[in-house]
Amino acid sequence: MAMTASASSLYEVLGISMSASGHEIKAAYRRLARMCHPDVVAMNQKEMSATEFMKIHAAYSTLSDPNKRANYDRDLFRRRQPIGFSSALSSAAMASMSRFSGGYKYNSKGNWETDQCW
């Protein structure tokens, strides 16, 4: 389980892609939980296993909840943007993007929706 110790994202902790479905997230969590849970490892590995299991559980807790996952994905995207990325956008581009931001929201089913009538 050395992979999870150096993982830079929750997706890497679970060993899944960013486009993974809820079913894939759950399957990855169960597979890793069976290997890392402190109750199933050797006595000399319990402490390391408990730490790894807490990371796996935290990743699952965040990625299995659509709202938490959306927030995490936004934060992850912001962290991975190159320095100066936002300043590279022209004021015209920013203005055109801002006219769309007010009408969209993330609904309870995990989908983007708009309050505009078409």
PDB file of N, CA and C in Angstrom:
ATOM      1  N   MET A   1       0.807  -1.195   0.000  1.00  0.00           N
ATOM      2  CA  MET A   1       0.000   0.000   0.000  1.00  0.00           C
ATOM      3  C   MET A   1       0.851   1.260   0.000  1.00  0.00           C
ATOM      4  N   ALA A   2       2.054   1.200  -0.462  1.00  0.00           N
ATOM      5  CA  ALA A   2       2.911   2.372  -0.516  1.00  0.00           C
ATOM      6  C   ALA A   2       2.353   3.418  -1.469  1.00  0.00           C
ATOM      7  N   MET A   3       1.535   2.990  -2.417  1.00  0.00           N
ATOM      8  CA  MET A   3       0.954   3.911  -3.379  1.00  0.00           C
ATOM      9  C   MET A   3       0.122   4.980  -2.692  1.00  0.00           C
ATOM     10  N   THR A   4      -0.665   4.625  -1.692  1.00  0.00           N
ATOM     11  CA  THR A   4      -1.521   5.608  -1.050  1.00  0.00           C
ATOM     12  C   THR A   4      -0.726   6.573  -0.200  1.00  0.00           C
ATOM     13  N   ALA A   5       0.430   6.179   0.278  1.00  0.00           N
ATOM     14  CA  ALA A   5       1.223   7.057   1.129  1.00  0.00           C
ATOM     15  C   ALA A   5       1.720   8.272   0.359  1.00  0.00           C
ATOM     16  N   SER A   6       2.002   8.109  -0.930  1.00  0.00           N
ATOM     17  CA  SER A   6       2.532   9.211  -1.714  1.00  0.00           C
ATOM     18  C   SER A   6       1.497   9.777  -2.693  1.00  0.00           C
ATOM     19  N   ALA A   7       0.271   9.362  -2.593  1.00  0.00           N
ATOM     20  CA  ALA A   7      -0.764   9.811  -3.525  1.00  0.00           C
ATOM     21  C   ALA A   7      -1.005  11.306  -3.384  1.00  0.00           C
ATOM     22  N   SER A   8      -1.159  11.964  -4.532  1.00  0.00           N
ATOM     23  CA  SER A   8      -1.361  13.408  -4.498  1.00  0.00           C
ATOM     24  C   SER A   8      -2.832  13.790  -4.601  1.00  0.00           C
ATOM     25  N   SER A   9      -3.698  12.833  -4.856  1.00  0.00           N
ATOM     26  CA  SER A   9      -5.125  13.127  -4.911  1.00  0.00           C
ATOM     27  C   SER A   9      -5.914  11.959  -4.319  1.00  0.00           C
ATOM     28  N   LEU A  10      -7.162  12.237  -3.987  1.00  0.00           N
ATOM     29  CA  LEU A  10      -8.019  11.181  -3.444  1.00  0.00           C
ATOM     30  C   LEU A  10      -8.280  10.098  -4.487  1.00  0.00           C
ATOM     31  N   TYR A  11      -8.274  10.478  -5.758  1.00  0.00           N
ATOM     32  CA  TYR A  11      -8.456   9.486  -6.826  1.00  0.00           C
ATOM     33  C   TYR A  11      -7.279   8.511  -6.838  1.00  0.00           C
ATOM     34  N   GLU A  12      -6.078   9.018  -6.619  1.00  0.00           N
ATOM     35  CA  GLU A  12      -4.900   8.152  -6.578  1.00  0.00           C
ATOM     36  C   GLU A  12      -4.912   7.261  -5.339  1.00  0.00           C
ATOM     37  N   VAL A  13      -5.455   7.771  -4.231  1.00  0.00           N
ATOM     38  CA  VAL A  13      -5.556   6.958  -3.013  1.00  0.00           C
ATOM     39  C   VAL A  13      -6.382   5.708  -3.296  1.00  0.00           C
ATOM     40  N   LEU A  14      -7.489   5.876  -4.028  1.00  0.00           N
ATOM     41  CA  LEU A  14      -8.346   4.739  -4.351  1.00  0.00           C
ATOM     42  C   LEU A  14      -7.911   4.011  -5.619  1.00  0.00           C
ATOM     43  N   GLY A  15      -6.953   4.576  -6.355  1.00  0.00           N
ATOM     44  CA  GLY A  15      -6.464   3.936  -7.576  1.00  0.00           C
ATOM     45  C   GLY A  15      -7.476   3.960  -8.700  1.00  0.00           C
ATOM     46  N   ILE A  16      -8.214   5.072  -8.829  1.00  0.00           N
ATOM     47  CA  ILE A  16      -9.244   5.204  -9.857  1.00  0.00           C
ATOM     48  C   ILE A  16      -9.012   6.465 -10.675  1.00  0.00           C
ATOM     49  N   SER A  17      -9.697   6.560 -11.805  1.00  0.00           N
ATOM     50  CA  SER A  17      -9.590   7.758 -12.632  1.00  0.00           C
ATOM     51  C   SER A  17     -10.566   8.820 -12.126  1.00  0.00           C
ATOM     52  N   MET A  18     -10.349  10.048 -12.563  1.00  0.00           N
ATOM     53  CA  MET A  18     -11.231  11.144 -12.157  1.00  0.00           C
ATOM     54  C   MET A  18     -12.632  10.989 -12.744  1.00  0.00           C
ATOM     55  N   SER A  19     -12.774  10.169 -13.758  1.00  0.00           N
ATOM     56  CA  SER A  19     -14.087   9.970 -14.369  1.00  0.00           C
ATOM     57  C   SER A  19     -14.803   8.741 -13.818  1.00  0.00           C
ATOM     58  N   ALA A  20     -14.305   8.176 -12.740  1.00  0.00           N
ATOM     59  CA  ALA A  20     -14.880   6.954 -12.170  1.00  0.00           C
ATOM     60  C   ALA A  20     -16.326   7.175 -11.722  1.00  0.00           C
ATOM     61  N   SER A  21     -17.131   6.167 -11.934  1.00  0.00           N
ATOM     62  CA  SER A  21     -18.534   6.222 -11.516  1.00  0.00           C
ATOM     63  C   SER A  21     -18.634   5.899 -10.020  1.00  0.00           C
ATOM     64  N   GLY A  22     -19.809   6.125  -9.474  1.00  0.00           N
ATOM     65  CA  GLY A  22     -20.050   5.795  -8.075  1.00  0.00           C
ATOM     66  C   GLY A  22     -19.809   4.329  -7.789  1.00  0.00           C
ATOM     67  N   HIS A  23     -20.192   3.472  -8.721  1.00  0.00           N
ATOM     68  CA  HIS A  23     -19.976   2.025  -8.566  1.00  0.00           C
ATOM     69  C   HIS A  23     -18.482   1.704  -8.531  1.00  0.00           C
ATOM     70  N   GLU A  24     -17.698   2.345  -9.400  1.00  0.00           N
ATOM     71  CA  GLU A  24     -16.254   2.098  -9.436  1.00  0.00           C
ATOM     72  C   GLU A  24     -15.583   2.602  -8.151  1.00  0.00           C
ATOM     73  N   ILE A  25     -16.061   3.715  -7.625  1.00  0.00           N
ATOM     74  CA  ILE A  25     -15.512   4.257  -6.374  1.00  0.00           C
ATOM     75  C   ILE A  25     -15.767   3.278  -5.233  1.00  0.00           C
ATOM     76  N   LYS A  26     -16.999   2.779  -5.164  1.00  0.00           N
ATOM     77  CA  LYS A  26     -17.358   1.843  -4.100  1.00  0.00           C
ATOM     78  C   LYS A  26     -16.565   0.541  -4.215  1.00  0.00           C
ATOM     79  N   ALA A  27     -16.411   0.045  -5.434  1.00  0.00           N
ATOM     80  CA  ALA A  27     -15.669  -1.197  -5.648  1.00  0.00           C
ATOM     81  C   ALA A  27     -14.200  -1.035  -5.245  1.00  0.00           C
ATOM     82  N   ALA A  28     -13.602   0.097  -5.597  1.00  0.00           N
ATOM     83  CA  ALA A  28     -12.205   0.345  -5.235  1.00  0.00           C
ATOM     84  C   ALA A  28     -12.056   0.439  -3.716  1.00  0.00           C
ATOM     85  N   TYR A  29     -12.987   1.124  -3.070  1.00  0.00           N
ATOM     86  CA  TYR A  29     -12.946   1.244  -1.614  1.00  0.00           C
ATOM     87  C   TYR A  29     -13.037  -0.127  -0.953  1.00  0.00           C
ATOM     88  N   ARG A  30     -13.971  -0.936  -1.391  1.00  0.00           N
ATOM     89  CA  ARG A  30     -14.141  -2.266  -0.782  1.00  0.00           C
ATOM     90  C   ARG A  30     -12.912  -3.145  -0.979  1.00  0.00           C
ATOM     91  N   ARG A  31     -12.340  -3.067  -2.186  1.00  0.00           N
ATOM     92  CA  ARG A  31     -11.149  -3.873  -2.476  1.00  0.00           C
ATOM     93  C   ARG A  31      -9.997  -3.457  -1.557  1.00  0.00           C
ATOM     94  N   LEU A  32      -9.777  -2.148  -1.433  1.00  0.00           N
ATOM     95  CA  LEU A  32      -8.689  -1.662  -0.586  1.00  0.00           C
ATOM     96  C   LEU A  32      -8.963  -1.891   0.902  1.00  0.00           C
ATOM     97  N   ALA A  33     -10.221  -1.753   1.300  1.00  0.00           N
ATOM     98  CA  ALA A  33     -10.579  -1.963   2.710  1.00  0.00           C
ATOM     99  C   ALA A  33     -10.314  -3.411   3.123  1.00  0.00           C
ATOM    100  N   ARG A  34     -10.580  -4.353   2.223  1.00  0.00           N
ATOM    101  CA  ARG A  34     -10.318  -5.762   2.534  1.00  0.00           C
ATOM    102  C   ARG A  34      -8.828  -6.034   2.716  1.00  0.00           C
ATOM    103  N   MET A  35      -7.984  -5.251   2.037  1.00  0.00           N
ATOM    104  CA  MET A  35      -6.534  -5.460   2.139  1.00  0.00           C
ATOM    105  C   MET A  35      -5.912  -4.679   3.294  1.00  0.00           C
ATOM    106  N   CYS A  36      -6.464  -3.510   3.623  1.00  0.00           N
ATOM    107  CA  CYS A  36      -5.795  -2.603   4.569  1.00  0.00           C
ATOM    108  C   CYS A  36      -6.460  -2.489   5.927  1.00  0.00           C
ATOM    109  N   HIS A  37      -7.625  -3.032   6.095  1.00  0.00           N
ATOM    110  CA  HIS A  37      -8.310  -2.855   7.372  1.00  0.00           C
ATOM    111  C   HIS A  37      -7.459  -3.451   8.493  1.00  0.00           C
ATOM    112  N   PRO A  38      -7.302  -2.720   9.600  1.00  0.00           N
ATOM    113  CA  PRO A  38      -6.452  -3.213  10.699  1.00  0.00           C
ATOM    114  C   PRO A  38      -6.868  -4.574  11.261  1.00  0.00           C
ATOM    115  N   ASP A  39      -8.109  -4.945  11.087  1.00  0.00           N
ATOM    116  CA  ASP A  39      -8.557  -6.242  11.613  1.00  0.00           C
ATOM    117  C   ASP A  39      -8.100  -7.431  10.773  1.00  0.00           C
ATOM    118  N   VAL A  40      -7.622  -7.173   9.544  1.00  0.00           N
ATOM    119  CA  VAL A  40      -7.255  -8.295   8.676  1.00  0.00           C
ATOM    120  C   VAL A  40      -5.761  -8.388   8.384  1.00  0.00           C
ATOM    121  N   VAL A  41      -4.972  -7.446   8.884  1.00  0.00           N
ATOM    122  CA  VAL A  41      -3.533  -7.487   8.612  1.00  0.00           C
ATOM    123  C   VAL A  41      -2.783  -8.119   9.789  1.00  0.00           C
ATOM    124  N   ALA A  42      -1.533  -8.449   9.549  1.00  0.00           N
ATOM    125  CA  ALA A  42      -0.686  -9.040  10.597  1.00  0.00           C
ATOM    126  C   ALA A  42      -0.480  -8.039  11.730  1.00  0.00           C
ATOM    127  N   MET A  43      -0.222  -8.545  12.904  1.00  0.00           N
ATOM    128  CA  MET A  43      -0.084  -7.720  14.104  1.00  0.00           C
ATOM    129  C   MET A  43       0.986  -6.634  13.939  1.00  0.00           C
ATOM    130  N   ASN A  44       2.096  -6.953  13.282  1.00  0.00           N
ATOM    131  CA  ASN A  44       3.187  -5.975  13.142  1.00  0.00           C
ATOM    132  C   ASN A  44       2.885  -4.889  12.102  1.00  0.00           C
ATOM    133  N   GLN A  45       1.793  -5.006  11.374  1.00  0.00           N
ATOM    134  CA  GLN A  45       1.424  -4.014  10.364  1.00  0.00           C
ATOM    135  C   GLN A  45       0.197  -3.198  10.744  1.00  0.00           C
ATOM    136  N   LYS A  46      -0.343  -3.404  11.916  1.00  0.00           N
ATOM    137  CA  LYS A  46      -1.602  -2.756  12.307  1.00  0.00           C
ATOM    138  C   LYS A  46      -1.534  -1.232  12.311  1.00  0.00           C
ATOM    139  N   GLU A  47      -0.456  -0.657  12.844  1.00  0.00           N
ATOM    140  CA  GLU A  47      -0.367   0.803  12.927  1.00  0.00           C
ATOM    141  C   GLU A  47      -0.320   1.438  11.535  1.00  0.00           C
ATOM    142  N   MET A  48       0.545   0.916  10.660  1.00  0.00           N
ATOM    143  CA  MET A  48       0.624   1.423   9.295  1.00  0.00           C
ATOM    144  C   MET A  48      -0.695   1.191   8.563  1.00  0.00           C
ATOM    145  N   SER A  49      -1.281   0.050   8.790  1.00  0.00           N
ATOM    146  CA  SER A  49      -2.536  -0.288   8.144  1.00  0.00           C
ATOM    147  C   SER A  49      -3.657   0.655   8.576  1.00  0.00           C
ATOM    148  N   ALA A  50      -3.700   1.006   9.842  1.00  0.00           N
ATOM    149  CA  ALA A  50      -4.733   1.918  10.336  1.00  0.00           C
ATOM    150  C   ALA A  50      -4.614   3.283   9.676  1.00  0.00           C
ATOM    151  N   THR A  51      -3.393   3.759   9.520  1.00  0.00           N
ATOM    152  CA  THR A  51      -3.167   5.045   8.856  1.00  0.00           C
ATOM    153  C   THR A  51      -3.621   4.989   7.409  1.00  0.00           C
ATOM    154  N   GLU A  52      -3.247   3.932   6.708  1.00  0.00           N
ATOM    155  CA  GLU A  52      -3.651   3.763   5.309  1.00  0.00           C
ATOM    156  C   GLU A  52      -5.170   3.640   5.189  1.00  0.00           C
ATOM    157  N   PHE A  53      -5.774   2.899   6.095  1.00  0.00           N
ATOM    158  CA  PHE A  53      -7.217   2.715   6.043  1.00  0.00           C
ATOM    159  C   PHE A  53      -7.944   4.045   6.259  1.00  0.00           C
ATOM    160  N   MET A  54      -7.439   4.881   7.149  1.00  0.00           N
ATOM    161  CA  MET A  54      -8.072   6.188   7.372  1.00  0.00           C
ATOM    162  C   MET A  54      -8.001   7.053   6.114  1.00  0.00           C
ATOM    163  N   LYS A  55      -6.884   6.996   5.379  1.00  0.00           N
ATOM    164  CA  LYS A  55      -6.758   7.735   4.119  1.00  0.00           C
ATOM    165  C   LYS A  55      -7.753   7.208   3.096  1.00  0.00           C
ATOM    166  N   ILE A  56      -7.869   5.895   3.017  1.00  0.00           N
ATOM    167  CA  ILE A  56      -8.787   5.269   2.063  1.00  0.00           C
ATOM    168  C   ILE A  56     -10.225   5.630   2.405  1.00  0.00           C
ATOM    169  N   HIS A  57     -10.563   5.575   3.677  1.00  0.00           N
ATOM    170  CA  HIS A  57     -11.921   5.909   4.098  1.00  0.00           C
ATOM    171  C   HIS A  57     -12.238   7.384   3.841  1.00  0.00           C
ATOM    172  N   ALA A  58     -11.290   8.277   4.102  1.00  0.00           N
ATOM    173  CA  ALA A  58     -11.503   9.704   3.844  1.00  0.00           C
ATOM    174  C   ALA A  58     -11.708   9.954   2.347  1.00  0.00           C
ATOM    175  N   ALA A  59     -10.934   9.267   1.510  1.00  0.00           N
ATOM    176  CA  ALA A  59     -11.091   9.409   0.059  1.00  0.00           C
ATOM    177  C   ALA A  59     -12.474   8.929  -0.376  1.00  0.00           C
ATOM    178  N   TYR A  60     -12.891   7.782   0.129  1.00  0.00           N
ATOM    179  CA  TYR A  60     -14.205   7.249  -0.214  1.00  0.00           C
ATOM    180  C   TYR A  60     -15.319   8.170   0.275  1.00  0.00           C
ATOM    181  N   SER A  61     -15.189   8.665   1.479  1.00  0.00           N
ATOM    182  CA  SER A  61     -16.203   9.547   2.049  1.00  0.00           C
ATOM    183  C   SER A  61     -16.401  10.791   1.190  1.00  0.00           C
ATOM    184  N   THR A  62     -15.326  11.350   0.693  1.00  0.00           N
ATOM    185  CA  THR A  62     -15.411  12.551  -0.138  1.00  0.00           C
ATOM    186  C   THR A  62     -15.912  12.229  -1.541  1.00  0.00           C
ATOM    187  N   LEU A  63     -15.338  11.213  -2.176  1.00  0.00           N
ATOM    188  CA  LEU A  63     -15.662  10.946  -3.578  1.00  0.00           C
ATOM    189  C   LEU A  63     -17.015  10.273  -3.771  1.00  0.00           C
ATOM    190  N   SER A  64     -17.549   9.642  -2.751  1.00  0.00           N
ATOM    191  CA  SER A  64     -18.852   8.974  -2.905  1.00  0.00           C
ATOM    192  C   SER A  64     -20.021   9.939  -2.713  1.00  0.00           C
ATOM    193  N   ASP A  65     -19.772  11.117  -2.169  1.00  0.00           N
ATOM    194  CA  ASP A  65     -20.811  12.129  -1.986  1.00  0.00           C
ATOM    195  C   ASP A  65     -20.711  13.125  -3.145  1.00  0.00           C
ATOM    196  N   PRO A  66     -21.756  13.245  -3.978  1.00  0.00           N
ATOM    197  CA  PRO A  66     -21.676  14.108  -5.173  1.00  0.00           C
ATOM    198  C   PRO A  66     -21.308  15.565  -4.870  1.00  0.00           C
ATOM    199  N   ASN A  67     -21.832  16.132  -3.805  1.00  0.00           N
ATOM    200  CA  ASN A  67     -21.516  17.527  -3.487  1.00  0.00           C
ATOM    201  C   ASN A  67     -20.083  17.681  -3.002  1.00  0.00           C
ATOM    202  N   LYS A  68     -19.642  16.778  -2.132  1.00  0.00           N
ATOM    203  CA  LYS A  68     -18.257  16.828  -1.651  1.00  0.00           C
ATOM    204  C   LYS A  68     -17.289  16.604  -2.811  1.00  0.00           C
ATOM    205  N   ARG A  69     -17.654  15.682  -3.719  1.00  0.00           N
ATOM    206  CA  ARG A  69     -16.790  15.391  -4.856  1.00  0.00           C
ATOM    207  C   ARG A  69     -16.680  16.601  -5.777  1.00  0.00           C
ATOM    208  N   ALA A  70     -17.792  17.273  -6.027  1.00  0.00           N
ATOM    209  CA  ALA A  70     -17.760  18.465  -6.883  1.00  0.00           C
ATOM    210  C   ALA A  70     -16.871  19.544  -6.273  1.00  0.00           C
ATOM    211  N   ASN A  71     -16.999  19.765  -4.978  1.00  0.00           N
ATOM    212  CA  ASN A  71     -16.144  20.751  -4.309  1.00  0.00           C
ATOM    213  C   ASN A  71     -14.677  20.348  -4.373  1.00  0.00           C
ATOM    214  N   TYR A  72     -14.408  19.070  -4.130  1.00  0.00           N
ATOM    215  CA  TYR A  72     -13.038  18.573  -4.183  1.00  0.00           C
ATOM    216  C   TYR A  72     -12.458  18.732  -5.587  1.00  0.00           C
ATOM    217  N   ASP A  73     -13.249  18.386  -6.608  1.00  0.00           N
ATOM    218  CA  ASP A  73     -12.773  18.507  -7.990  1.00  0.00           C
ATOM    219  C   ASP A  73     -12.453  19.953  -8.344  1.00  0.00           C
ATOM    220  N   ARG A  74     -13.297  20.895  -7.904  1.00  0.00           N
ATOM    221  CA  ARG A  74     -13.019  22.316  -8.161  1.00  0.00           C
ATOM    222  C   ARG A  74     -11.714  22.736  -7.490  1.00  0.00           C
ATOM    223  N   ASP A  75     -11.533  22.339  -6.242  1.00  0.00           N
ATOM    224  CA  ASP A  75     -10.299  22.680  -5.525  1.00  0.00           C
ATOM    225  C   ASP A  75      -9.079  22.037  -6.185  1.00  0.00           C
ATOM    226  N   LEU A  76      -9.216  20.797  -6.603  1.00  0.00           N
ATOM    227  CA  LEU A  76      -8.121  20.086  -7.251  1.00  0.00           C
ATOM    228  C   LEU A  76      -7.752  20.767  -8.562  1.00  0.00           C
ATOM    229  N   PHE A  77      -8.754  21.181  -9.326  1.00  0.00           N
ATOM    230  CA  PHE A  77      -8.503  21.866 -10.594  1.00  0.00           C
ATOM    231  C   PHE A  77      -7.763  23.182 -10.341  1.00  0.00           C
ATOM    232  N   ARG A  78      -8.185  23.915  -9.326  1.00  0.00           N
ATOM    233  CA  ARG A  78      -7.522  25.195  -9.014  1.00  0.00           C
ATOM    234  C   ARG A  78      -6.070  24.978  -8.607  1.00  0.00           C
ATOM    235  N   ARG A  79      -5.808  23.929  -7.830  1.00  0.00           N
ATOM    236  CA  ARG A  79      -4.431  23.657  -7.400  1.00  0.00           C
ATOM    237  C   ARG A  79      -3.545  23.272  -8.567  1.00  0.00           C
ATOM    238  N   ARG A  80      -4.098  22.637  -9.581  1.00  0.00           N
ATOM    239  CA  ARG A  80      -3.299  22.147 -10.706  1.00  0.00           C
ATOM    240  C   ARG A  80      -3.149  23.166 -11.828  1.00  0.00           C
ATOM    241  N   GLN A  81      -3.813  24.318 -11.727  1.00  0.00           N
ATOM    242  CA  GLN A  81      -3.670  25.339 -12.755  1.00  0.00           C
ATOM    243  C   GLN A  81      -2.267  25.932 -12.696  1.00  0.00           C
ATOM    244  N   PRO A  82      -1.706  26.236 -13.861  1.00  0.00           N
ATOM    245  CA  PRO A  82      -0.392  26.880 -13.861  1.00  0.00           C
ATOM    246  C   PRO A  82      -0.468  28.260 -13.211  1.00  0.00           C
ATOM    247  N   ILE A  83       0.625  28.692 -12.642  1.00  0.00           N
ATOM    248  CA  ILE A  83       0.668  30.019 -12.017  1.00  0.00           C
ATOM    249  C   ILE A  83       0.422  31.056 -13.108  1.00  0.00           C
ATOM    250  N   GLY A  84      -0.424  32.005 -12.799  1.00  0.00           N
ATOM    251  CA  GLY A  84      -0.746  33.055 -13.764  1.00  0.00           C
ATOM    252  C   GLY A  84      -1.835  32.683 -14.736  1.00  0.00           C
ATOM    253  N   PHE A  85      -2.415  31.488 -14.601  1.00  0.00           N
ATOM    254  CA  PHE A  85      -3.450  31.045 -15.529  1.00  0.00           C
ATOM    255  C   PHE A  85      -4.620  31.999 -15.550  1.00  0.00           C
ATOM    256  N   SER A  86      -5.124  32.389 -14.382  1.00  0.00           N
ATOM    257  CA  SER A  86      -6.294  33.263 -14.341  1.00  0.00           C
ATOM    258  C   SER A  86      -5.964  34.651 -14.860  1.00  0.00           C
ATOM    259  N   SER A  87      -4.728  35.122 -14.659  1.00  0.00           N
ATOM    260  CA  SER A  87      -4.373  36.442 -15.145  1.00  0.00           C
ATOM    261  C   SER A  87      -4.175  36.446 -16.648  1.00  0.00           C
ATOM    262  N   ALA A  88      -3.984  35.244 -17.233  1.00  0.00           N
ATOM    263  CA  ALA A  88      -3.803  35.163 -18.672  1.00  0.00           C
ATOM    264  C   ALA A  88      -5.119  35.336 -19.421  1.00  0.00           C
ATOM    265  N   LEU A  89      -6.224  35.168 -18.731  1.00  0.00           N
ATOM    266  CA  LEU A  89      -7.511  35.347 -19.383  1.00  0.00           C
ATOM    267  C   LEU A  89      -7.779  36.827 -19.593  1.00  0.00           C
ATOM    268  N   SER A  90      -8.254  37.155 -20.771  1.00  0.00           N
ATOM    269  CA  SER A  90      -8.554  38.559 -21.047  1.00  0.00           C
ATOM    270  C   SER A  90      -9.806  38.990 -20.294  1.00  0.00           C
ATOM    271  N   SER A  91      -9.970  40.271 -20.138  1.00  0.00           N
ATOM    272  CA  SER A  91     -11.155  40.774 -19.450  1.00  0.00           C
ATOM    273  C   SER A  91     -12.412  40.449 -20.244  1.00  0.00           C
ATOM    274  N   ALA A  92     -12.312  40.393 -21.575  1.00  0.00           N
ATOM    275  CA  ALA A  92     -13.467  40.028 -22.397  1.00  0.00           C
ATOM    276  C   ALA A  92     -13.859  38.571 -22.155  1.00  0.00           C
ATOM    277  N   ALA A  93     -12.858  37.703 -22.014  1.00  0.00           N
ATOM    278  CA  ALA A  93     -13.145  36.288 -21.747  1.00  0.00           C
ATOM    279  C   ALA A  93     -13.781  36.133 -20.382  1.00  0.00           C
ATOM    280  N   MET A  94     -13.262  36.848 -19.402  1.00  0.00           N
ATOM    281  CA  MET A  94     -13.834  36.782 -18.055  1.00  0.00           C
ATOM    282  C   MET A  94     -15.278  37.276 -18.057  1.00  0.00           C
ATOM    283  N   ALA A  95     -15.556  38.349 -18.793  1.00  0.00           N
ATOM    284  CA  ALA A  95     -16.910  38.894 -18.854  1.00  0.00           C
ATOM    285  C   ALA A  95     -17.860  37.902 -19.517  1.00  0.00           C
ATOM    286  N   SER A  96     -17.398  37.241 -20.568  1.00  0.00           N
ATOM    287  CA  SER A  96     -18.275  36.287 -21.248  1.00  0.00           C
ATOM    288  C   SER A  96     -18.546  35.072 -20.378  1.00  0.00           C
ATOM    289  N   MET A  97     -17.558  34.652 -19.552  1.00  0.00           N
ATOM    290  CA  MET A  97     -17.767  33.523 -18.660  1.00  0.00           C
ATOM    291  C   MET A  97     -18.687  33.905 -17.514  1.00  0.00           C
ATOM    292  N   SER A  98     -18.590  35.127 -17.029  1.00  0.00           N
ATOM    293  CA  SER A  98     -19.369  35.515 -15.867  1.00  0.00           C
ATOM    294  C   SER A  98     -20.857  35.599 -16.169  1.00  0.00           C
ATOM    295  N   ARG A  99     -21.228  35.814 -17.418  1.00  0.00           N
ATOM    296  CA  ARG A  99     -22.667  35.897 -17.713  1.00  0.00           C
ATOM    297  C   ARG A  99     -23.337  34.543 -17.580  1.00  0.00           C
ATOM    298  N   PHE A 100     -22.568  33.462 -17.599  1.00  0.00           N
ATOM    299  CA  PHE A 100     -23.149  32.134 -17.456  1.00  0.00           C
ATOM    300  C   PHE A 100     -23.132  31.627 -16.025  1.00  0.00           C
ATOM    301  N   SER A 101     -22.349  32.227 -15.175  1.00  0.00           N
ATOM    302  CA  SER A 101     -22.153  31.664 -13.848  1.00  0.00           C
ATOM    303  C   SER A 101     -23.363  31.807 -12.938  1.00  0.00           C
ATOM    304  N   GLY A 102     -24.209  32.798 -13.148  1.00  0.00           N
ATOM    305  CA  GLY A 102     -25.316  33.036 -12.238  1.00  0.00           C
ATOM    306  C   GLY A 102     -26.464  32.064 -12.377  1.00  0.00           C
ATOM    307  N   GLY A 103     -26.668  31.480 -13.530  1.00  0.00           N
ATOM    308  CA  GLY A 103     -27.849  30.672 -13.757  1.00  0.00           C
ATOM    309  C   GLY A 103     -27.670  29.182 -13.534  1.00  0.00           C
ATOM    310  N   TYR A 104     -26.475  28.737 -13.219  1.00  0.00           N
ATOM    311  CA  TYR A 104     -26.227  27.309 -13.074  1.00  0.00           C
ATOM    312  C   TYR A 104     -25.993  26.946 -11.613  1.00  0.00           C
ATOM    313  N   LYS A 105     -26.430  25.747 -11.254  1.00  0.00           N
ATOM    314  CA  LYS A 105     -26.189  25.241  -9.907  1.00  0.00           C
ATOM    315  C   LYS A 105     -26.087  23.731  -9.965  1.00  0.00           C
ATOM    316  N   TYR A 106     -25.537  23.157  -8.938  1.00  0.00           N
ATOM    317  CA  TYR A 106     -25.340  21.720  -8.830  1.00  0.00           C
ATOM    318  C   TYR A 106     -26.507  21.164  -8.034  1.00  0.00           C
ATOM    319  N   ASN A 107     -27.313  20.286  -8.631  1.00  0.00           N
ATOM    320  CA  ASN A 107     -28.492  19.782  -7.924  1.00  0.00           C
ATOM    321  C   ASN A 107     -28.157  18.575  -7.051  1.00  0.00           C
ATOM    322  N   SER A 108     -29.142  18.128  -6.292  1.00  0.00           N
ATOM    323  CA  SER A 108     -28.925  17.038  -5.330  1.00  0.00           C
ATOM    324  C   SER A 108     -28.639  15.696  -5.994  1.00  0.00           C
ATOM    325  N   LYS A 109     -28.924  15.571  -7.287  1.00  0.00           N
ATOM    326  CA  LYS A 109     -28.653  14.318  -8.000  1.00  0.00           C
ATOM    327  C   LYS A 109     -27.257  14.303  -8.607  1.00  0.00           C
ATOM    328  N   GLY A 110     -26.482  15.374  -8.366  1.00  0.00           N
ATOM    329  CA  GLY A 110     -25.118  15.396  -8.882  1.00  0.00           C
ATOM    330  C   GLY A 110     -25.016  15.888 -10.307  1.00  0.00           C
ATOM    331  N   ASN A 111     -26.012  16.630 -10.787  1.00  0.00           N
ATOM    332  CA  ASN A 111     -25.998  17.150 -12.148  1.00  0.00           C
ATOM    333  C   ASN A 111     -26.075  18.670 -12.128  1.00  0.00           C
ATOM    334  N   TRP A 112     -25.477  19.271 -13.144  1.00  0.00           N
ATOM    335  CA  TRP A 112     -25.593  20.713 -13.279  1.00  0.00           C
ATOM    336  C   TRP A 112     -26.949  21.018 -13.880  1.00  0.00           C
ATOM    337  N   GLU A 113     -27.592  22.062 -13.375  1.00  0.00           N
ATOM    338  CA  GLU A 113     -28.860  22.474 -13.941  1.00  0.00           C
ATOM    339  C   GLU A 113     -28.908  23.988 -13.979  1.00  0.00           C
ATOM    340  N   THR A 114     -29.811  24.511 -14.754  1.00  0.00           N
ATOM    341  CA  THR A 114     -29.934  25.956 -14.889  1.00  0.00           C
ATOM    342  C   THR A 114     -31.336  26.387 -14.474  1.00  0.00           C
ATOM    343  N   ASP A 115     -31.439  27.621 -14.019  1.00  0.00           N
ATOM    344  CA  ASP A 115     -32.753  28.139 -13.674  1.00  0.00           C
ATOM    345  C   ASP A 115     -33.323  28.981 -14.829  1.00  0.00           C
ATOM    346  N   GLN A 116     -32.660  28.919 -15.969  1.00  0.00           N
ATOM    347  CA  GLN A 116     -33.100  29.661 -17.159  1.00  0.00           C
ATOM    348  C   GLN A 116     -34.077  28.817 -17.966  1.00  0.00           C
ATOM    349  N   CYS A 117     -35.057  29.455 -18.550  1.00  0.00           N
ATOM    350  CA  CYS A 117     -35.950  28.771 -19.492  1.00  0.00           C
ATOM    351  C   CYS A 117     -35.413  28.953 -20.889  1.00  0.00           C
ATOM    352  N   TRP A 118     -35.423  27.920 -21.648  1.00  0.00           N
ATOM    353  CA  TRP A 118     -34.917  28.018 -23.023  1.00  0.00           C
ATOM    354  C   TRP A 118     -36.027  28.076 -23.950  1.00  0.00           C
TER     355      TRP A 118
END
